[in-house]
Amino acid sequence: MSFDLQTVNNPDVNIQLWRRFKAGESEALGQLAKVHYRTLYNYALKFSSDPDFIRDSIQDLYLDLWERRDFLSETAFVKSYLMKALRHKLIKESIRLRRFHEPIPVYADFEIANGSVEADMIEDEQNCYIASRLKHIIDGLTKRQQEIIYLRFYQNLSNEDIAMIMGLGRQSVSNLLYRTLKEIKEIWTPAFNCILLLLSSMLWTSLAAN
């Protein structure tokens, strides 16, 4: 049984694949690996710029899952579960190998995932300036702030999903997101509404693609 990307974005199908994988169907794990690979790869760029390290980590993640399938719990949030597991593995391995890198700017990740940002969402000079200024501001945020912006606006995840992935409480996620957006506003108050419109455009583009 094959699944296209649009179908696998359906939580019910993800749950079905997860249960089949836990029951010992390697084909189901292969389907999960295939359809979530790009999401996991882009997310891993927040922690390392080494493509070989990222690919190896994703492969090791699925090998670990297969070996531990009998002990894994049921989940209704497969994508978030995989992102959280990969986050833990990347941080652990990066520290062990002493190769933890500064995160790739959020815009670079979005460009890899969705093609040219300029071509898709920036149609005139003014928006180009806004995007450039926003990129500069985001580059100056902390790792956790960049991560929460990426998860919320580029992955379109709920606060509950973000809390699960980052290992935070739901209120802590709300507080961090609020402080991050407030910091952006304080840095560039006159154009803050334009920033929100740009982020909103990215969010609606993501929703339309799902």
C-alpha atoms as a PDB file:
ATOM      1  CA  MET A   1       0.000   0.000   0.000  1.00  0.00           C
ATOM      2  CA  SER A   2       1.520   3.367  -1.025  1.00  0.00           C
ATOM      3  CA  PHE A   3       0.860   6.848   0.312  1.00  0.00           C
ATOM      4  CA  ASP A   4       1.494  10.229  -1.269  1.00  0.00           C
ATOM      5  CA  LEU A   5       2.659  13.182   0.820  1.00  0.00           C
ATOM      6  CA  GLN A   6      -0.795  14.723   1.030  1.00  0.00           C
ATOM      7  CA  THR A   7      -2.297  11.488   2.331  1.00  0.00           C
ATOM      8  CA  VAL A   8       0.363  10.940   4.970  1.00  0.00           C
ATOM      9  CA  ASN A   9      -0.259  14.414   6.399  1.00  0.00           C
ATOM     10  CA  ASN A  10      -3.518  12.880   7.584  1.00  0.00           C
ATOM     11  CA  PRO A  11      -3.020  11.986  11.295  1.00  0.00           C
ATOM     12  CA  ASP A  12      -5.174   8.860  10.955  1.00  0.00           C
ATOM     13  CA  VAL A  13      -2.902   7.475   8.234  1.00  0.00           C
ATOM     14  CA  ASN A  14       0.174   8.258  10.325  1.00  0.00           C
ATOM     15  CA  ILE A  15      -1.342   6.399  13.254  1.00  0.00           C
ATOM     16  CA  GLN A  16      -2.118   3.449  10.985  1.00  0.00           C
ATOM     17  CA  LEU A  17       1.476   3.359   9.716  1.00  0.00           C
ATOM     18  CA  TRP A  18       2.816   3.652  13.256  1.00  0.00           C
ATOM     19  CA  ARG A  19       0.724   0.710  14.455  1.00  0.00           C
ATOM     20  CA  ARG A  20       1.757  -1.408  11.484  1.00  0.00           C
ATOM     21  CA  PHE A  21       5.397  -0.569  12.124  1.00  0.00           C
ATOM     22  CA  LYS A  22       5.049  -1.495  15.794  1.00  0.00           C
ATOM     23  CA  ALA A  23       3.475  -4.772  14.700  1.00  0.00           C
ATOM     24  CA  GLY A  24       6.668  -5.590  12.797  1.00  0.00           C
ATOM     25  CA  GLU A  25       5.965  -4.375   9.255  1.00  0.00           C
ATOM     26  CA  SER A  26       9.223  -2.963   7.929  1.00  0.00           C
ATOM     27  CA  GLU A  27       7.360  -1.549   4.905  1.00  0.00           C
ATOM     28  CA  ALA A  28       5.365   0.722   7.211  1.00  0.00           C
ATOM     29  CA  LEU A  29       8.552   2.046   8.795  1.00  0.00           C
ATOM     30  CA  GLY A  30       9.922   2.656   5.308  1.00  0.00           C
ATOM     31  CA  GLN A  31       6.830   4.684   4.446  1.00  0.00           C
ATOM     32  CA  LEU A  32       7.215   6.765   7.615  1.00  0.00           C
ATOM     33  CA  ALA A  33      10.887   7.336   6.835  1.00  0.00           C
ATOM     34  CA  LYS A  34      10.128   8.383   3.257  1.00  0.00           C
ATOM     35  CA  VAL A  35       7.340  10.846   3.883  1.00  0.00           C
ATOM     36  CA  HIS A  36       8.875  12.505   6.943  1.00  0.00           C
ATOM     37  CA  TYR A  37      12.459  12.640   5.680  1.00  0.00           C
ATOM     38  CA  ARG A  38      12.394  16.202   4.345  1.00  0.00           C
ATOM     39  CA  THR A  39      10.709  17.534   7.477  1.00  0.00           C
ATOM     40  CA  LEU A  40      13.270  15.833   9.712  1.00  0.00           C
ATOM     41  CA  TYR A  41      16.197  16.903   7.543  1.00  0.00           C
ATOM     42  CA  ASN A  42      15.140  20.555   7.525  1.00  0.00           C
ATOM     43  CA  TYR A  43      14.567  20.469  11.275  1.00  0.00           C
ATOM     44  CA  ALA A  44      18.012  18.905  11.828  1.00  0.00           C
ATOM     45  CA  LEU A  45      19.587  21.912  10.117  1.00  0.00           C
ATOM     46  CA  LYS A  46      18.725  23.833  13.292  1.00  0.00           C
ATOM     47  CA  PHE A  47      21.372  21.793  15.074  1.00  0.00           C
ATOM     48  CA  SER A  48      24.035  20.959  12.497  1.00  0.00           C
ATOM     49  CA  SER A  49      25.176  22.086   9.066  1.00  0.00           C
ATOM     50  CA  ASP A  50      26.874  18.745   8.332  1.00  0.00           C
ATOM     51  CA  PRO A  51      24.696  16.852   5.804  1.00  0.00           C
ATOM     52  CA  ASP A  52      26.420  13.521   6.427  1.00  0.00           C
ATOM     53  CA  PHE A  53      25.901  13.838  10.168  1.00  0.00           C
ATOM     54  CA  ILE A  54      22.234  14.696   9.620  1.00  0.00           C
ATOM     55  CA  ARG A  55      21.613  11.806   7.239  1.00  0.00           C
ATOM     56  CA  ASP A  56      23.391   9.364   9.547  1.00  0.00           C
ATOM     57  CA  SER A  57      21.389  10.622  12.526  1.00  0.00           C
ATOM     58  CA  ILE A  58      18.073  10.180  10.715  1.00  0.00           C
ATOM     59  CA  GLN A  59      19.055   6.698   9.596  1.00  0.00           C
ATOM     60  CA  ASP A  60      20.183   5.782  13.129  1.00  0.00           C
ATOM     61  CA  LEU A  61      16.895   7.137  14.482  1.00  0.00           C
ATOM     62  CA  TYR A  62      14.847   4.730  12.363  1.00  0.00           C
ATOM     63  CA  LEU A  63      17.171   1.828  13.185  1.00  0.00           C
ATOM     64  CA  ASP A  64      16.712   2.589  16.874  1.00  0.00           C
ATOM     65  CA  LEU A  65      12.951   2.767  16.450  1.00  0.00           C
ATOM     66  CA  TRP A  66      12.899  -0.588  14.675  1.00  0.00           C
ATOM     67  CA  GLU A  67      14.960  -2.269  17.377  1.00  0.00           C
ATOM     68  CA  ARG A  68      12.818  -0.758  20.136  1.00  0.00           C
ATOM     69  CA  ARG A  69       9.440  -1.088  18.412  1.00  0.00           C
ATOM     70  CA  ASP A  70       8.087  -3.529  21.020  1.00  0.00           C
ATOM     71  CA  PHE A  71       8.669  -0.987  23.765  1.00  0.00           C
ATOM     72  CA  LEU A  72       7.366   2.136  22.029  1.00  0.00           C
ATOM     73  CA  SER A  73       4.061   3.619  23.096  1.00  0.00           C
ATOM     74  CA  GLU A  74       1.114   4.419  20.866  1.00  0.00           C
ATOM     75  CA  THR A  75       0.981   8.028  19.708  1.00  0.00           C
ATOM     76  CA  ALA A  76      -1.522  10.178  17.864  1.00  0.00           C
ATOM     77  CA  PHE A  77       1.221  12.667  16.960  1.00  0.00           C
ATOM     78  CA  VAL A  78       3.696  10.696  14.863  1.00  0.00           C
ATOM     79  CA  LYS A  79       5.368  13.676  13.198  1.00  0.00           C
ATOM     80  CA  SER A  80       5.958  15.410  16.525  1.00  0.00           C
ATOM     81  CA  TYR A  81       7.188  12.157  18.058  1.00  0.00           C
ATOM     82  CA  LEU A  82       9.771  11.723  15.290  1.00  0.00           C
ATOM     83  CA  MET A  83      10.926  15.343  15.523  1.00  0.00           C
ATOM     84  CA  LYS A  84      11.332  15.083  19.291  1.00  0.00           C
ATOM     85  CA  ALA A  85      13.260  11.818  18.998  1.00  0.00           C
ATOM     86  CA  LEU A  86      15.545  13.279  16.331  1.00  0.00           C
ATOM     87  CA  ARG A  87      16.105  16.426  18.400  1.00  0.00           C
ATOM     88  CA  HIS A  88      17.225  14.309  21.351  1.00  0.00           C
ATOM     89  CA  LYS A  89      19.542  12.213  19.171  1.00  0.00           C
ATOM     90  CA  LEU A  90      21.115  15.214  17.435  1.00  0.00           C
ATOM     91  CA  ILE A  91      21.855  17.039  20.668  1.00  0.00           C
ATOM     92  CA  LYS A  92      23.180  13.916  22.368  1.00  0.00           C
ATOM     93  CA  GLU A  93      25.400  12.925  19.446  1.00  0.00           C
ATOM     94  CA  SER A  94      26.561  16.488  18.803  1.00  0.00           C
ATOM     95  CA  ILE A  95      27.702  16.865  22.388  1.00  0.00           C
ATOM     96  CA  ARG A  96      29.353  13.462  22.333  1.00  0.00           C
ATOM     97  CA  LEU A  97      31.211  14.227  19.119  1.00  0.00           C
ATOM     98  CA  ARG A  98      31.852  17.851  20.152  1.00  0.00           C
ATOM     99  CA  ARG A  99      30.520  19.032  16.853  1.00  0.00           C
ATOM    100  CA  PHE A 100      27.505  21.063  17.913  1.00  0.00           C
ATOM    101  CA  HIS A 101      27.076  23.913  15.444  1.00  0.00           C
ATOM    102  CA  GLU A 102      25.241  27.189  15.491  1.00  0.00           C
ATOM    103  CA  PRO A 103      21.822  26.750  13.840  1.00  0.00           C
ATOM    104  CA  ILE A 104      21.331  27.577  10.204  1.00  0.00           C
ATOM    105  CA  PRO A 105      19.214  30.739   9.877  1.00  0.00           C
ATOM    106  CA  VAL A 106      15.513  30.019   9.671  1.00  0.00           C
ATOM    107  CA  TYR A 107      15.195  31.493   6.195  1.00  0.00           C
ATOM    108  CA  ALA A 108      17.834  29.141   4.830  1.00  0.00           C
ATOM    109  CA  ASP A 109      15.842  26.173   6.129  1.00  0.00           C
ATOM    110  CA  PHE A 110      12.619  27.475   4.626  1.00  0.00           C
ATOM    111  CA  GLU A 111      14.298  28.020   1.282  1.00  0.00           C
ATOM    112  CA  ILE A 112      15.541  24.430   1.191  1.00  0.00           C
ATOM    113  CA  ALA A 113      12.130  23.075   2.122  1.00  0.00           C
ATOM    114  CA  ASN A 114       9.951  25.149  -0.145  1.00  0.00           C
ATOM    115  CA  GLY A 115      12.081  26.410  -3.005  1.00  0.00           C
ATOM    116  CA  SER A 116      12.977  30.054  -3.498  1.00  0.00           C
ATOM    117  CA  VAL A 117      11.382  32.287  -0.859  1.00  0.00           C
ATOM    118  CA  GLU A 118      11.745  35.258  -3.159  1.00  0.00           C
ATOM    119  CA  ALA A 119      10.026  33.516  -6.065  1.00  0.00           C
ATOM    120  CA  ASP A 120       7.161  32.135  -3.992  1.00  0.00           C
ATOM    121  CA  MET A 121       6.365  34.870  -1.495  1.00  0.00           C
ATOM    122  CA  ILE A 122       8.240  38.081  -2.218  1.00  0.00           C
ATOM    123  CA  GLU A 123       6.797  39.793  -5.250  1.00  0.00           C
ATOM    124  CA  ASP A 124       8.156  43.314  -5.036  1.00  0.00           C
ATOM    125  CA  GLU A 125      11.073  45.335  -3.764  1.00  0.00           C
ATOM    126  CA  GLN A 126       9.399  46.383  -0.535  1.00  0.00           C
ATOM    127  CA  ASN A 127       8.678  42.830   0.524  1.00  0.00           C
ATOM    128  CA  CYS A 128      12.217  41.894  -0.438  1.00  0.00           C
ATOM    129  CA  TYR A 129      13.508  44.518   1.988  1.00  0.00           C
ATOM    130  CA  ILE A 130      11.134  43.286   4.704  1.00  0.00           C
ATOM    131  CA  ALA A 131      12.298  39.703   4.209  1.00  0.00           C
ATOM    132  CA  SER A 132      15.954  40.745   4.351  1.00  0.00           C
ATOM    133  CA  ARG A 133      15.380  42.772   7.513  1.00  0.00           C
ATOM    134  CA  LEU A 134      13.405  39.961   9.136  1.00  0.00           C
ATOM    135  CA  LYS A 135      16.141  37.457   8.285  1.00  0.00           C
ATOM    136  CA  HIS A 136      18.704  39.702   9.956  1.00  0.00           C
ATOM    137  CA  ILE A 137      16.559  39.965  13.083  1.00  0.00           C
ATOM    138  CA  ILE A 138      15.904  36.218  13.264  1.00  0.00           C
ATOM    139  CA  ASP A 139      19.600  35.487  12.812  1.00  0.00           C
ATOM    140  CA  GLY A 140      20.213  37.473  15.997  1.00  0.00           C
ATOM    141  CA  LEU A 141      17.783  35.446  18.116  1.00  0.00           C
ATOM    142  CA  THR A 142      18.848  32.667  20.462  1.00  0.00           C
ATOM    143  CA  LYS A 143      18.837  29.041  19.331  1.00  0.00           C
ATOM    144  CA  ARG A 144      15.605  28.316  21.200  1.00  0.00           C
ATOM    145  CA  GLN A 145      13.927  31.413  19.779  1.00  0.00           C
ATOM    146  CA  GLN A 146      14.911  30.451  16.231  1.00  0.00           C
ATOM    147  CA  GLU A 147      13.678  26.926  16.868  1.00  0.00           C
ATOM    148  CA  ILE A 148      10.277  28.011  18.138  1.00  0.00           C
ATOM    149  CA  ILE A 149       9.804  30.400  15.188  1.00  0.00           C
ATOM    150  CA  TYR A 150      10.701  27.565  12.825  1.00  0.00           C
ATOM    151  CA  LEU A 151       8.352  25.063  14.452  1.00  0.00           C
ATOM    152  CA  ARG A 152       5.437  27.471  14.793  1.00  0.00           C
ATOM    153  CA  PHE A 153       5.513  29.294  11.463  1.00  0.00           C
ATOM    154  CA  TYR A 154       7.389  26.991   9.081  1.00  0.00           C
ATOM    155  CA  GLN A 155       6.174  23.628  10.365  1.00  0.00           C
ATOM    156  CA  ASN A 156       2.759  24.987  11.402  1.00  0.00           C
ATOM    157  CA  LEU A 157       2.841  23.047  14.676  1.00  0.00           C
ATOM    158  CA  SER A 158       0.556  23.751  17.604  1.00  0.00           C
ATOM    159  CA  ASN A 159       1.876  24.859  20.987  1.00  0.00           C
ATOM    160  CA  GLU A 160       1.137  21.349  22.284  1.00  0.00           C
ATOM    161  CA  ASP A 161       3.282  19.765  19.561  1.00  0.00           C
ATOM    162  CA  ILE A 162       6.076  22.279  20.123  1.00  0.00           C
ATOM    163  CA  ALA A 163       5.991  21.596  23.867  1.00  0.00           C
ATOM    164  CA  MET A 164       6.399  17.890  23.183  1.00  0.00           C
ATOM    165  CA  ILE A 165       9.295  18.387  20.757  1.00  0.00           C
ATOM    166  CA  MET A 166      11.225  20.926  22.836  1.00  0.00           C
ATOM    167  CA  GLY A 167      10.521  19.272  26.165  1.00  0.00           C
ATOM    168  CA  LEU A 168       8.741  22.324  27.559  1.00  0.00           C
ATOM    169  CA  GLY A 169       5.404  22.918  29.232  1.00  0.00           C
ATOM    170  CA  ARG A 170       2.623  24.356  27.094  1.00  0.00           C
ATOM    171  CA  GLN A 171       2.692  27.630  29.049  1.00  0.00           C
ATOM    172  CA  SER A 172       6.471  27.839  28.644  1.00  0.00           C
ATOM    173  CA  VAL A 173       6.020  27.536  24.887  1.00  0.00           C
ATOM    174  CA  SER A 174       3.424  30.321  24.905  1.00  0.00           C
ATOM    175  CA  ASN A 175       5.713  32.506  27.007  1.00  0.00           C
ATOM    176  CA  LEU A 176       8.748  31.878  24.804  1.00  0.00           C
ATOM    177  CA  LEU A 177       6.801  32.583  21.614  1.00  0.00           C
ATOM    178  CA  TYR A 178       5.345  35.751  23.128  1.00  0.00           C
ATOM    179  CA  ARG A 179       8.760  36.985  24.291  1.00  0.00           C
ATOM    180  CA  THR A 180      10.312  36.194  20.910  1.00  0.00           C
ATOM    181  CA  LEU A 181       7.686  38.096  18.937  1.00  0.00           C
ATOM    182  CA  LYS A 182       7.854  40.939  21.459  1.00  0.00           C
ATOM    183  CA  GLU A 183      11.625  41.106  21.000  1.00  0.00           C
ATOM    184  CA  ILE A 184      11.213  41.271  17.223  1.00  0.00           C
ATOM    185  CA  LYS A 185       8.685  44.070  17.681  1.00  0.00           C
ATOM    186  CA  GLU A 186      11.042  46.033  19.934  1.00  0.00           C
ATOM    187  CA  ILE A 187      13.856  45.717  17.407  1.00  0.00           C
ATOM    188  CA  TRP A 188      11.740  46.863  14.490  1.00  0.00           C
ATOM    189  CA  THR A 189       8.549  48.490  15.780  1.00  0.00           C
ATOM    190  CA  PRO A 190       7.562  50.571  12.687  1.00  0.00           C
ATOM    191  CA  ALA A 191       7.348  47.520  10.451  1.00  0.00           C
ATOM    192  CA  PHE A 192       6.160  44.935  12.938  1.00  0.00           C
ATOM    193  CA  ASN A 193       2.776  44.641  11.210  1.00  0.00           C
ATOM    194  CA  CYS A 194       4.580  43.877   7.972  1.00  0.00           C
ATOM    195  CA  ILE A 195       6.546  41.155   9.736  1.00  0.00           C
ATOM    196  CA  LEU A 196       3.352  39.583  11.011  1.00  0.00           C
ATOM    197  CA  LEU A 197       1.851  39.720   7.529  1.00  0.00           C
ATOM    198  CA  LEU A 198       4.917  38.024   6.090  1.00  0.00           C
ATOM    199  CA  LEU A 199       4.879  35.306   8.751  1.00  0.00           C
ATOM    200  CA  SER A 200       1.143  34.909   8.230  1.00  0.00           C
ATOM    201  CA  SER A 201       1.717  34.505   4.506  1.00  0.00           C
ATOM    202  CA  MET A 202       4.202  31.725   5.204  1.00  0.00           C
ATOM    203  CA  LEU A 203       1.744  30.057   7.556  1.00  0.00           C
ATOM    204  CA  TRP A 204      -1.140  30.163   5.073  1.00  0.00           C
ATOM    205  CA  THR A 205       1.147  28.899   2.312  1.00  0.00           C
ATOM    206  CA  SER A 206       2.015  25.946   4.524  1.00  0.00           C
ATOM    207  CA  LEU A 207      -1.648  25.292   5.316  1.00  0.00           C
ATOM    208  CA  ALA A 208      -2.599  25.434   1.654  1.00  0.00           C
ATOM    209  CA  ALA A 209       0.052  22.853   0.808  1.00  0.00           C
ATOM    210  CA  ASN A 210      -1.253  20.360   3.393  1.00  0.00           C
END
